[in-house]
N, C-alpha and C. Protein backbone atom coordinates (compact mmCIF):
# COMPACT_ATOMS: atom_id res chain seq x y z
N MET A 1 0.84 -1.18 0.00
CA MET A 1 0.00 0.00 0.00
C MET A 1 0.88 1.24 0.00
N THR A 2 0.50 2.22 -0.78
CA THR A 2 1.37 3.36 -0.98
C THR A 2 1.18 4.41 0.10
N ALA A 3 2.22 5.29 0.21
CA ALA A 3 2.18 6.35 1.20
C ALA A 3 1.06 7.33 0.91
N LYS A 4 0.70 7.51 -0.34
CA LYS A 4 -0.36 8.44 -0.70
C LYS A 4 -1.74 7.80 -0.60
N ARG A 5 -1.83 6.54 -0.93
CA ARG A 5 -3.13 5.89 -0.99
C ARG A 5 -3.74 5.73 0.41
N ASN A 6 -2.94 5.36 1.38
CA ASN A 6 -3.47 5.12 2.72
C ASN A 6 -4.12 6.34 3.37
N PRO A 7 -3.44 7.51 3.38
CA PRO A 7 -4.08 8.67 3.99
C PRO A 7 -5.34 9.11 3.24
N LEU A 8 -5.34 8.96 1.92
CA LEU A 8 -6.53 9.31 1.15
C LEU A 8 -7.67 8.35 1.49
N PHE A 9 -7.33 7.08 1.60
CA PHE A 9 -8.29 6.04 1.97
C PHE A 9 -8.95 6.37 3.31
N LYS A 10 -8.14 6.70 4.30
CA LYS A 10 -8.68 7.01 5.63
C LYS A 10 -9.49 8.30 5.60
N SER A 11 -9.04 9.27 4.83
CA SER A 11 -9.76 10.54 4.75
C SER A 11 -11.16 10.35 4.18
N ILE A 12 -11.27 9.55 3.15
CA ILE A 12 -12.58 9.30 2.53
C ILE A 12 -13.52 8.59 3.51
N LEU A 13 -13.00 7.63 4.23
CA LEU A 13 -13.84 6.84 5.12
C LEU A 13 -14.28 7.60 6.36
N THR A 14 -13.60 8.69 6.67
CA THR A 14 -14.02 9.49 7.82
C THR A 14 -14.97 10.62 7.39
N ASP A 15 -15.30 10.68 6.11
CA ASP A 15 -16.25 11.67 5.61
C ASP A 15 -17.65 11.25 6.03
N ASN A 16 -18.28 12.04 6.86
CA ASN A 16 -19.59 11.67 7.41
C ASN A 16 -20.73 11.75 6.40
N ASP A 17 -20.44 12.25 5.19
CA ASP A 17 -21.48 12.25 4.17
C ASP A 17 -21.79 10.84 3.69
N PHE A 18 -20.88 9.91 3.91
CA PHE A 18 -21.07 8.52 3.50
C PHE A 18 -21.42 7.68 4.74
N GLN A 19 -22.66 7.23 4.81
CA GLN A 19 -23.11 6.49 5.99
C GLN A 19 -23.09 4.98 5.81
N SER A 20 -22.98 4.52 4.56
CA SER A 20 -22.95 3.08 4.29
C SER A 20 -21.94 2.84 3.17
N ILE A 21 -20.84 2.15 3.50
CA ILE A 21 -19.69 2.06 2.59
C ILE A 21 -19.25 0.61 2.40
N ILE A 22 -18.98 0.25 1.14
CA ILE A 22 -18.33 -1.02 0.82
C ILE A 22 -16.97 -0.71 0.22
N VAL A 23 -15.93 -1.33 0.77
CA VAL A 23 -14.57 -1.21 0.22
C VAL A 23 -14.22 -2.54 -0.43
N PHE A 24 -13.81 -2.48 -1.70
CA PHE A 24 -13.42 -3.69 -2.41
C PHE A 24 -11.90 -3.74 -2.57
N ALA A 25 -11.33 -4.89 -2.26
CA ALA A 25 -9.91 -5.17 -2.49
C ALA A 25 -9.82 -6.44 -3.34
N SER A 26 -8.70 -6.62 -4.02
CA SER A 26 -8.59 -7.72 -4.98
C SER A 26 -8.31 -9.07 -4.35
N THR A 27 -7.73 -9.09 -3.16
CA THR A 27 -7.37 -10.36 -2.53
C THR A 27 -7.79 -10.39 -1.07
N LYS A 28 -7.88 -11.59 -0.55
CA LYS A 28 -8.22 -11.78 0.86
C LYS A 28 -7.14 -11.17 1.75
N ASP A 29 -5.88 -11.32 1.36
CA ASP A 29 -4.79 -10.76 2.16
C ASP A 29 -4.87 -9.24 2.22
N LYS A 30 -5.24 -8.60 1.10
CA LYS A 30 -5.37 -7.14 1.09
C LYS A 30 -6.54 -6.71 1.97
N VAL A 31 -7.61 -7.49 1.96
CA VAL A 31 -8.74 -7.19 2.85
C VAL A 31 -8.28 -7.19 4.30
N LYS A 32 -7.47 -8.16 4.66
CA LYS A 32 -6.97 -8.23 6.04
C LYS A 32 -6.05 -7.06 6.37
N GLN A 33 -5.22 -6.65 5.40
CA GLN A 33 -4.33 -5.50 5.60
C GLN A 33 -5.14 -4.23 5.83
N LEU A 34 -6.19 -4.04 5.02
CA LEU A 34 -7.02 -2.85 5.17
C LEU A 34 -7.78 -2.87 6.49
N ASP A 35 -8.22 -4.05 6.88
CA ASP A 35 -8.91 -4.18 8.16
C ASP A 35 -7.97 -3.78 9.30
N MET A 36 -6.73 -4.21 9.23
CA MET A 36 -5.74 -3.85 10.26
C MET A 36 -5.48 -2.34 10.25
N LEU A 37 -5.36 -1.76 9.04
CA LEU A 37 -5.14 -0.32 8.93
C LEU A 37 -6.28 0.46 9.56
N LEU A 38 -7.49 0.04 9.32
CA LEU A 38 -8.65 0.74 9.87
C LEU A 38 -8.72 0.58 11.39
N ARG A 39 -8.37 -0.60 11.87
CA ARG A 39 -8.36 -0.81 13.32
C ARG A 39 -7.36 0.12 14.00
N LYS A 40 -6.16 0.21 13.41
CA LYS A 40 -5.13 1.09 13.97
C LYS A 40 -5.55 2.55 13.92
N SER A 41 -6.34 2.89 12.92
CA SER A 41 -6.81 4.27 12.76
C SER A 41 -8.10 4.52 13.54
N LYS A 42 -8.57 3.49 14.25
CA LYS A 42 -9.80 3.59 15.05
C LYS A 42 -11.01 3.97 14.19
N ILE A 43 -11.05 3.41 12.98
CA ILE A 43 -12.21 3.59 12.09
C ILE A 43 -13.00 2.28 12.13
N PRO A 44 -14.19 2.28 12.70
CA PRO A 44 -14.97 1.04 12.83
C PRO A 44 -15.32 0.44 11.47
N ALA A 45 -15.00 -0.82 11.29
CA ALA A 45 -15.28 -1.52 10.04
C ALA A 45 -15.24 -3.02 10.30
N LYS A 46 -15.77 -3.79 9.36
CA LYS A 46 -15.72 -5.25 9.46
C LYS A 46 -15.17 -5.81 8.16
N ALA A 47 -14.27 -6.78 8.28
CA ALA A 47 -13.71 -7.47 7.11
C ALA A 47 -14.56 -8.68 6.77
N PHE A 48 -14.78 -8.91 5.50
CA PHE A 48 -15.60 -10.01 5.02
C PHE A 48 -14.75 -10.84 4.06
N HIS A 49 -14.36 -12.06 4.49
CA HIS A 49 -13.50 -12.89 3.64
C HIS A 49 -13.75 -14.37 3.92
N SER A 50 -13.13 -15.21 3.11
CA SER A 50 -13.40 -16.65 3.15
C SER A 50 -12.85 -17.36 4.37
N ASP A 51 -11.96 -16.72 5.13
CA ASP A 51 -11.45 -17.36 6.34
C ASP A 51 -12.46 -17.34 7.48
N LEU A 52 -13.50 -16.53 7.33
CA LEU A 52 -14.55 -16.47 8.36
C LEU A 52 -15.51 -17.64 8.19
N GLU A 53 -16.06 -18.08 9.29
CA GLU A 53 -17.11 -19.11 9.23
C GLU A 53 -18.36 -18.52 8.58
N GLN A 54 -19.16 -19.38 7.97
CA GLN A 54 -20.38 -18.93 7.31
C GLN A 54 -21.27 -18.14 8.27
N ALA A 55 -21.36 -18.63 9.49
CA ALA A 55 -22.19 -17.93 10.48
C ALA A 55 -21.67 -16.53 10.77
N GLU A 56 -20.34 -16.37 10.79
CA GLU A 56 -19.75 -15.05 11.02
C GLU A 56 -20.05 -14.12 9.86
N ARG A 57 -19.96 -14.63 8.64
CA ARG A 57 -20.26 -13.81 7.47
C ARG A 57 -21.72 -13.38 7.46
N GLU A 58 -22.59 -14.28 7.86
CA GLU A 58 -24.02 -13.95 7.90
C GLU A 58 -24.32 -12.86 8.92
N VAL A 59 -23.64 -12.91 10.05
CA VAL A 59 -23.83 -11.88 11.08
C VAL A 59 -23.37 -10.52 10.55
N ILE A 60 -22.19 -10.49 9.90
CA ILE A 60 -21.67 -9.24 9.36
C ILE A 60 -22.62 -8.66 8.33
N MET A 61 -23.14 -9.49 7.42
CA MET A 61 -24.04 -9.00 6.40
C MET A 61 -25.34 -8.50 7.00
N ARG A 62 -25.84 -9.18 8.01
CA ARG A 62 -27.08 -8.75 8.66
C ARG A 62 -26.89 -7.40 9.36
N GLU A 63 -25.75 -7.25 10.04
CA GLU A 63 -25.48 -6.00 10.74
C GLU A 63 -25.28 -4.85 9.75
N PHE A 64 -24.63 -5.14 8.62
CA PHE A 64 -24.42 -4.11 7.61
C PHE A 64 -25.75 -3.69 6.99
N LYS A 65 -26.58 -4.66 6.71
CA LYS A 65 -27.89 -4.37 6.12
C LYS A 65 -28.76 -3.56 7.07
N ASN A 66 -28.62 -3.82 8.37
CA ASN A 66 -29.40 -3.10 9.38
C ASN A 66 -28.75 -1.80 9.83
N LYS A 67 -27.67 -1.39 9.12
CA LYS A 67 -26.96 -0.14 9.42
C LYS A 67 -26.29 -0.14 10.79
N GLN A 68 -26.00 -1.33 11.33
CA GLN A 68 -25.25 -1.42 12.58
C GLN A 68 -23.75 -1.33 12.31
N ILE A 69 -23.37 -1.63 11.08
CA ILE A 69 -21.99 -1.50 10.62
C ILE A 69 -21.98 -0.48 9.48
N ARG A 70 -21.08 0.50 9.57
CA ARG A 70 -21.01 1.55 8.54
C ARG A 70 -20.13 1.15 7.37
N ILE A 71 -19.04 0.41 7.64
CA ILE A 71 -18.06 0.08 6.61
C ILE A 71 -17.81 -1.42 6.59
N ILE A 72 -17.82 -2.00 5.40
CA ILE A 72 -17.49 -3.41 5.24
C ILE A 72 -16.42 -3.50 4.15
N VAL A 73 -15.41 -4.34 4.39
CA VAL A 73 -14.29 -4.50 3.46
C VAL A 73 -14.27 -5.94 2.97
N GLY A 74 -14.25 -6.13 1.66
CA GLY A 74 -14.26 -7.50 1.14
C GLY A 74 -13.73 -7.59 -0.28
N THR A 75 -13.73 -8.80 -0.80
CA THR A 75 -13.30 -9.06 -2.18
C THR A 75 -14.52 -9.09 -3.09
N ASP A 76 -14.32 -9.48 -4.34
CA ASP A 76 -15.41 -9.47 -5.31
C ASP A 76 -16.51 -10.46 -4.98
N ILE A 77 -16.29 -11.34 -4.03
CA ILE A 77 -17.36 -12.23 -3.60
C ILE A 77 -18.54 -11.42 -3.08
N LEU A 78 -18.25 -10.24 -2.53
CA LEU A 78 -19.30 -9.35 -2.03
C LEU A 78 -20.12 -8.75 -3.16
N SER A 79 -19.46 -8.41 -4.27
CA SER A 79 -20.13 -7.67 -5.33
C SER A 79 -21.24 -8.48 -5.98
N ARG A 80 -21.12 -9.80 -5.97
CA ARG A 80 -22.11 -10.64 -6.63
C ARG A 80 -23.12 -11.24 -5.66
N GLY A 81 -22.83 -11.17 -4.37
CA GLY A 81 -23.73 -11.82 -3.44
C GLY A 81 -24.49 -10.91 -2.50
N ILE A 82 -24.10 -9.64 -2.41
CA ILE A 82 -24.71 -8.74 -1.46
C ILE A 82 -26.01 -8.15 -2.01
N ASP A 83 -27.01 -8.08 -1.16
CA ASP A 83 -28.30 -7.52 -1.55
C ASP A 83 -28.72 -6.49 -0.51
N VAL A 84 -28.11 -5.31 -0.60
CA VAL A 84 -28.34 -4.24 0.37
C VAL A 84 -28.62 -2.95 -0.38
N ASP A 85 -29.72 -2.31 -0.04
CA ASP A 85 -30.04 -1.02 -0.63
C ASP A 85 -29.49 0.11 0.24
N GLY A 86 -29.39 1.29 -0.36
CA GLY A 86 -28.97 2.46 0.40
C GLY A 86 -27.48 2.57 0.66
N ILE A 87 -26.65 1.96 -0.18
CA ILE A 87 -25.20 2.08 -0.03
C ILE A 87 -24.76 3.41 -0.64
N ASP A 88 -24.10 4.24 0.17
CA ASP A 88 -23.71 5.57 -0.27
C ASP A 88 -22.44 5.58 -1.10
N LEU A 89 -21.51 4.68 -0.77
CA LEU A 89 -20.19 4.72 -1.41
C LEU A 89 -19.65 3.32 -1.65
N VAL A 90 -19.15 3.09 -2.85
CA VAL A 90 -18.34 1.92 -3.17
C VAL A 90 -16.94 2.44 -3.44
N LEU A 91 -15.97 1.96 -2.66
CA LEU A 91 -14.58 2.39 -2.82
C LEU A 91 -13.74 1.21 -3.29
N ASN A 92 -13.21 1.31 -4.49
CA ASN A 92 -12.34 0.27 -5.04
C ASN A 92 -10.90 0.59 -4.68
N PHE A 93 -10.40 -0.05 -3.63
CA PHE A 93 -9.01 0.18 -3.25
C PHE A 93 -8.09 -0.35 -4.34
N ASP A 94 -8.50 -1.43 -4.98
CA ASP A 94 -7.77 -1.98 -6.12
C ASP A 94 -8.68 -1.94 -7.34
N CYS A 95 -8.12 -1.58 -8.47
CA CYS A 95 -8.88 -1.64 -9.72
C CYS A 95 -9.03 -3.10 -10.14
N PRO A 96 -10.24 -3.58 -10.36
CA PRO A 96 -10.41 -4.99 -10.73
C PRO A 96 -9.83 -5.28 -12.11
N PRO A 97 -9.23 -6.44 -12.31
CA PRO A 97 -8.65 -6.78 -13.61
C PRO A 97 -9.70 -7.02 -14.69
N ASP A 98 -10.90 -7.43 -14.28
CA ASP A 98 -11.98 -7.71 -15.22
C ASP A 98 -12.96 -6.54 -15.21
N PRO A 99 -13.19 -5.90 -16.35
CA PRO A 99 -14.12 -4.77 -16.40
C PRO A 99 -15.52 -5.11 -15.88
N GLU A 100 -15.96 -6.35 -16.09
CA GLU A 100 -17.29 -6.73 -15.62
C GLU A 100 -17.35 -6.76 -14.09
N ASP A 101 -16.21 -7.07 -13.46
CA ASP A 101 -16.17 -7.01 -11.99
C ASP A 101 -16.37 -5.58 -11.51
N TYR A 102 -15.83 -4.63 -12.26
CA TYR A 102 -16.02 -3.22 -11.92
C TYR A 102 -17.51 -2.86 -11.97
N ILE A 103 -18.20 -3.31 -13.00
CA ILE A 103 -19.63 -3.04 -13.15
C ILE A 103 -20.40 -3.64 -11.98
N HIS A 104 -20.04 -4.86 -11.60
CA HIS A 104 -20.72 -5.50 -10.47
C HIS A 104 -20.46 -4.73 -9.18
N ARG A 105 -19.24 -4.25 -9.01
CA ARG A 105 -18.90 -3.52 -7.79
C ARG A 105 -19.71 -2.23 -7.67
N ILE A 106 -19.65 -1.39 -8.71
CA ILE A 106 -20.33 -0.10 -8.60
C ILE A 106 -21.84 -0.26 -8.63
N GLY A 107 -22.30 -1.42 -9.08
CA GLY A 107 -23.74 -1.68 -9.09
C GLY A 107 -24.31 -1.88 -7.70
N ARG A 108 -23.43 -1.98 -6.69
CA ARG A 108 -23.91 -2.14 -5.31
C ARG A 108 -24.45 -0.82 -4.77
N THR A 109 -24.05 0.29 -5.37
CA THR A 109 -24.52 1.59 -4.91
C THR A 109 -25.60 2.12 -5.84
N ALA A 110 -26.28 3.16 -5.38
CA ALA A 110 -27.32 3.81 -6.19
C ALA A 110 -28.43 2.86 -6.59
N ARG A 111 -28.87 2.06 -5.64
CA ARG A 111 -29.99 1.16 -5.91
C ARG A 111 -31.26 1.74 -5.31
N ALA A 112 -32.36 1.16 -5.67
CA ALA A 112 -33.67 1.58 -5.17
C ALA A 112 -33.92 3.06 -5.47
N GLU A 113 -33.57 3.48 -6.71
CA GLU A 113 -33.81 4.84 -7.17
C GLU A 113 -33.06 5.90 -6.37
N LYS A 114 -31.98 5.52 -5.71
CA LYS A 114 -31.17 6.48 -4.97
C LYS A 114 -29.85 6.71 -5.69
N LEU A 115 -29.22 7.83 -5.37
CA LEU A 115 -27.93 8.15 -5.96
C LEU A 115 -26.81 7.65 -5.06
N GLY A 116 -25.68 7.32 -5.67
CA GLY A 116 -24.54 6.85 -4.90
C GLY A 116 -23.25 7.25 -5.59
N THR A 117 -22.13 6.97 -4.93
CA THR A 117 -20.81 7.34 -5.44
C THR A 117 -19.90 6.13 -5.47
N ALA A 118 -19.08 6.04 -6.49
CA ALA A 118 -18.04 5.01 -6.56
C ALA A 118 -16.71 5.68 -6.82
N ILE A 119 -15.70 5.32 -6.03
CA ILE A 119 -14.36 5.88 -6.16
C ILE A 119 -13.38 4.74 -6.38
N THR A 120 -12.49 4.90 -7.34
CA THR A 120 -11.51 3.87 -7.64
C THR A 120 -10.11 4.45 -7.60
N PHE A 121 -9.20 3.79 -6.87
CA PHE A 121 -7.81 4.19 -6.83
C PHE A 121 -7.07 3.53 -7.99
N ILE A 122 -6.34 4.35 -8.74
CA ILE A 122 -5.62 3.84 -9.92
C ILE A 122 -4.18 4.31 -9.87
N ASN A 123 -3.23 3.41 -10.14
CA ASN A 123 -1.84 3.83 -10.32
C ASN A 123 -1.42 3.53 -11.76
N GLU A 124 -0.17 3.76 -12.07
CA GLU A 124 0.30 3.65 -13.45
C GLU A 124 0.03 2.27 -14.04
N LYS A 125 0.28 1.24 -13.26
CA LYS A 125 0.11 -0.11 -13.81
C LYS A 125 -1.35 -0.48 -14.03
N ASP A 126 -2.27 0.31 -13.45
CA ASP A 126 -3.70 0.04 -13.62
C ASP A 126 -4.31 0.77 -14.80
N ALA A 127 -3.53 1.61 -15.48
CA ALA A 127 -4.08 2.42 -16.56
C ALA A 127 -4.71 1.55 -17.66
N TYR A 128 -4.08 0.43 -17.95
CA TYR A 128 -4.63 -0.46 -18.98
C TYR A 128 -5.99 -1.02 -18.55
N LYS A 129 -6.11 -1.37 -17.27
CA LYS A 129 -7.39 -1.88 -16.75
C LYS A 129 -8.47 -0.81 -16.87
N LEU A 130 -8.11 0.42 -16.53
CA LEU A 130 -9.08 1.52 -16.63
C LEU A 130 -9.54 1.71 -18.07
N GLY A 131 -8.61 1.58 -19.00
CA GLY A 131 -8.97 1.69 -20.41
C GLY A 131 -9.97 0.63 -20.82
N LYS A 132 -9.80 -0.59 -20.33
CA LYS A 132 -10.74 -1.68 -20.65
C LYS A 132 -12.11 -1.41 -20.06
N ILE A 133 -12.14 -0.85 -18.85
CA ILE A 133 -13.42 -0.51 -18.21
C ILE A 133 -14.15 0.55 -19.03
N GLU A 134 -13.43 1.59 -19.43
CA GLU A 134 -14.05 2.66 -20.21
C GLU A 134 -14.54 2.15 -21.57
N LYS A 135 -13.81 1.23 -22.15
CA LYS A 135 -14.23 0.67 -23.44
C LYS A 135 -15.52 -0.13 -23.28
N LEU A 136 -15.61 -0.90 -22.21
CA LEU A 136 -16.82 -1.69 -21.97
C LEU A 136 -18.03 -0.79 -21.71
N MET A 137 -17.80 0.28 -20.93
CA MET A 137 -18.89 1.18 -20.58
C MET A 137 -19.19 2.20 -21.66
N GLU A 138 -18.27 2.31 -22.66
CA GLU A 138 -18.42 3.25 -23.76
C GLU A 138 -18.53 4.68 -23.25
N LYS A 139 -17.71 5.01 -22.26
CA LYS A 139 -17.69 6.36 -21.72
C LYS A 139 -16.38 6.57 -20.97
N THR A 140 -16.02 7.83 -20.78
CA THR A 140 -14.81 8.17 -20.04
C THR A 140 -15.15 8.47 -18.60
N ILE A 141 -14.46 7.82 -17.69
CA ILE A 141 -14.66 8.06 -16.27
C ILE A 141 -13.91 9.33 -15.89
N ARG A 142 -14.58 10.22 -15.20
CA ARG A 142 -13.98 11.52 -14.88
C ARG A 142 -12.81 11.37 -13.91
N ARG A 143 -11.68 11.96 -14.28
CA ARG A 143 -10.50 11.97 -13.42
C ARG A 143 -10.61 13.11 -12.41
N MET A 144 -10.16 12.85 -11.21
CA MET A 144 -10.20 13.87 -10.18
C MET A 144 -8.85 13.95 -9.49
N PRO A 145 -8.35 15.15 -9.20
CA PRO A 145 -7.02 15.30 -8.59
C PRO A 145 -7.00 14.88 -7.14
N ILE A 146 -5.87 14.39 -6.69
CA ILE A 146 -5.72 14.07 -5.28
C ILE A 146 -5.52 15.36 -4.50
N PRO A 147 -5.79 15.36 -3.19
CA PRO A 147 -5.60 16.58 -2.39
C PRO A 147 -4.17 17.10 -2.49
N GLN A 148 -4.02 18.42 -2.48
CA GLN A 148 -2.72 19.03 -2.66
C GLN A 148 -1.71 18.60 -1.61
N GLU A 149 -2.18 18.35 -0.39
CA GLU A 149 -1.24 17.98 0.67
C GLU A 149 -0.57 16.63 0.43
N LEU A 150 -1.11 15.83 -0.50
CA LEU A 150 -0.51 14.53 -0.82
C LEU A 150 0.47 14.62 -1.98
N GLY A 151 0.60 15.80 -2.55
CA GLY A 151 1.56 15.96 -3.64
C GLY A 151 0.89 15.81 -5.00
N PRO A 152 1.61 16.15 -6.06
CA PRO A 152 1.05 16.10 -7.41
C PRO A 152 0.86 14.68 -7.90
N GLY A 153 -0.10 14.51 -8.77
CA GLY A 153 -0.35 13.22 -9.39
C GLY A 153 -0.18 13.33 -10.89
N PRO A 154 0.63 12.47 -11.50
CA PRO A 154 0.88 12.57 -12.95
C PRO A 154 -0.36 12.26 -13.77
N GLU A 155 -0.41 12.83 -14.96
CA GLU A 155 -1.50 12.53 -15.88
C GLU A 155 -1.31 11.12 -16.43
N LEU A 156 -2.40 10.41 -16.52
CA LEU A 156 -2.34 9.05 -17.08
C LEU A 156 -2.87 9.08 -18.51
N ASP A 157 -2.08 8.59 -19.44
CA ASP A 157 -2.48 8.52 -20.83
C ASP A 157 -2.96 7.11 -21.14
N ILE A 158 -4.27 6.92 -21.12
CA ILE A 158 -4.85 5.60 -21.34
C ILE A 158 -4.50 5.08 -22.73
N SER A 159 -4.39 5.97 -23.70
CA SER A 159 -4.11 5.55 -25.07
C SER A 159 -2.75 4.88 -25.20
N LYS A 160 -1.82 5.18 -24.28
CA LYS A 160 -0.49 4.59 -24.34
C LYS A 160 -0.30 3.44 -23.35
N ALA A 161 -1.35 3.13 -22.60
CA ALA A 161 -1.25 2.07 -21.59
C ALA A 161 -1.12 0.72 -22.27
N ARG A 162 -0.31 -0.14 -21.68
CA ARG A 162 -0.08 -1.48 -22.22
C ARG A 162 -0.46 -2.52 -21.17
N PRO A 163 -0.81 -3.74 -21.61
CA PRO A 163 -1.15 -4.79 -20.65
C PRO A 163 0.04 -5.06 -19.73
N PRO A 164 -0.22 -5.42 -18.47
CA PRO A 164 0.88 -5.75 -17.57
C PRO A 164 1.65 -6.96 -18.06
N ARG A 165 2.96 -6.97 -17.83
CA ARG A 165 3.77 -8.09 -18.28
C ARG A 165 3.47 -9.33 -17.45
N PRO A 166 3.57 -10.52 -18.07
CA PRO A 166 3.34 -11.76 -17.31
C PRO A 166 4.31 -11.87 -16.14
N PHE A 167 3.88 -12.56 -15.11
CA PHE A 167 4.72 -12.74 -13.93
C PHE A 167 6.03 -13.39 -14.31
N GLY A 168 7.13 -12.82 -13.84
CA GLY A 168 8.44 -13.40 -14.12
C GLY A 168 9.14 -12.80 -15.33
N SER A 169 8.44 -11.92 -16.07
CA SER A 169 9.09 -11.32 -17.23
C SER A 169 10.07 -10.26 -16.79
N ASN A 170 11.08 -10.01 -17.62
CA ASN A 170 12.12 -9.04 -17.28
C ASN A 170 11.62 -7.62 -17.49
N GLN A 171 12.03 -6.73 -16.60
CA GLN A 171 11.73 -5.32 -16.74
C GLN A 171 13.01 -4.54 -16.51
N SER A 172 13.20 -3.50 -17.29
CA SER A 172 14.40 -2.71 -17.13
C SER A 172 14.08 -1.39 -16.46
N GLY A 173 14.87 -1.06 -15.43
CA GLY A 173 14.70 0.22 -14.77
C GLY A 173 13.59 0.20 -13.76
N PRO A 174 13.62 1.15 -12.80
CA PRO A 174 12.58 1.23 -11.78
C PRO A 174 11.28 1.73 -12.37
N ARG A 175 10.16 1.28 -11.82
CA ARG A 175 8.87 1.74 -12.28
C ARG A 175 8.34 2.80 -11.33
N LYS A 176 8.01 3.93 -11.88
CA LYS A 176 7.46 5.02 -11.06
C LYS A 176 5.98 4.79 -10.86
N LYS A 177 5.55 4.81 -9.61
CA LYS A 177 4.15 4.58 -9.31
C LYS A 177 3.36 5.87 -9.41
N ASN A 178 2.21 5.76 -10.02
CA ASN A 178 1.29 6.87 -10.09
C ASN A 178 0.07 6.54 -9.25
N PHE A 179 -0.73 7.53 -9.05
CA PHE A 179 -1.91 7.32 -8.22
C PHE A 179 -3.09 8.03 -8.83
N GLN A 180 -4.17 7.34 -8.96
CA GLN A 180 -5.34 7.96 -9.54
C GLN A 180 -6.56 7.58 -8.74
N LYS A 181 -7.38 8.52 -8.53
CA LYS A 181 -8.64 8.25 -7.85
C LYS A 181 -9.72 8.42 -8.87
N GLY A 182 -10.48 7.37 -9.08
CA GLY A 182 -11.60 7.48 -9.99
C GLY A 182 -12.87 7.57 -9.20
N ASN A 183 -13.67 8.56 -9.47
CA ASN A 183 -14.93 8.71 -8.76
C ASN A 183 -16.05 8.48 -9.74
N SER A 184 -16.76 7.38 -9.59
CA SER A 184 -17.88 7.13 -10.48
C SER A 184 -19.13 7.17 -9.65
N SER A 185 -20.11 7.92 -10.10
CA SER A 185 -21.24 8.13 -9.22
C SER A 185 -22.55 8.25 -9.96
N ASN A 186 -23.61 8.32 -9.15
CA ASN A 186 -24.93 8.67 -9.60
C ASN A 186 -25.51 7.67 -10.59
N ARG A 187 -25.90 6.55 -10.08
CA ARG A 187 -26.49 5.53 -10.91
C ARG A 187 -27.88 5.21 -10.38
N LYS A 188 -28.88 5.36 -11.20
CA LYS A 188 -30.21 4.97 -10.79
C LYS A 188 -30.47 3.54 -11.21
N GLN A 189 -31.31 2.85 -10.44
CA GLN A 189 -31.59 1.45 -10.72
C GLN A 189 -32.17 1.32 -12.11
N GLY A 190 -31.61 0.39 -12.87
CA GLY A 190 -32.11 0.14 -14.20
C GLY A 190 -31.47 1.02 -15.26
N GLY A 191 -30.66 2.00 -14.88
CA GLY A 191 -30.03 2.90 -15.82
C GLY A 191 -28.53 2.70 -15.83
N PRO A 192 -27.84 3.23 -16.85
CA PRO A 192 -26.38 3.07 -16.92
C PRO A 192 -25.68 3.91 -15.87
N PRO A 193 -24.55 3.43 -15.35
CA PRO A 193 -23.81 4.22 -14.37
C PRO A 193 -23.30 5.50 -15.01
N ARG A 194 -23.38 6.60 -14.27
CA ARG A 194 -22.78 7.85 -14.71
C ARG A 194 -21.52 8.03 -13.90
N ASP A 195 -20.40 7.79 -14.54
CA ASP A 195 -19.15 7.69 -13.81
C ASP A 195 -18.31 8.95 -13.88
N LYS A 196 -17.57 9.18 -12.81
CA LYS A 196 -16.60 10.25 -12.74
C LYS A 196 -15.28 9.64 -12.31
N ALA A 197 -14.21 10.14 -12.84
CA ALA A 197 -12.90 9.64 -12.41
C ALA A 197 -11.91 10.77 -12.46
N ARG A 198 -10.90 10.72 -11.66
CA ARG A 198 -9.89 11.76 -11.69
C ARG A 198 -8.51 11.20 -11.52
N PRO A 199 -7.50 11.69 -12.30
CA PRO A 199 -6.15 11.16 -12.22
C PRO A 199 -5.52 11.45 -10.87
N HIS A 200 -4.83 10.46 -10.38
CA HIS A 200 -4.17 10.57 -9.09
C HIS A 200 -2.82 9.93 -9.11
N ASN A 201 -1.98 10.38 -8.23
CA ASN A 201 -0.70 9.71 -8.00
C ASN A 201 -0.78 8.90 -6.75
């Protein structure tokens, strides 16, 4: 997790405008890391992952649905199985590799004719994934700048983005990490998502 991403992550989750939040991470281990980060920051949240017993997962989902839990952190297993209305924010800590997973994630918000917000963190290596998402949705997600106190964020050129190299392939030189926050919001049930995104470092 990057030095810029963590403080932004905590800042968003402490925004009281969002009363019901789902955070998506790509792996179970990342879910556990985020859960630990939130605990250390004294931000109440519950982690939802496969290491929990079925009964534990059912309790977490029931409490989240009843608004007893404000923040839940999980993997894509949540995006396809959760049935909760009134979610204010979906925060993608990791950009999903499959564009359809992105659609499933942001579809958790703005249900029951309500408006919602989706924010996605993007770095340089995720630019290709973002391009695939925009191609599937046939629209450009609005880029938004990171707060000035976190430093400048480079512009991401989706047109020049390339697929990530296979694991184990050689790379020359250090890779500079970028950071992008994508904010996609305002989706009514039955209608296409109206997405916003902003470049971040």
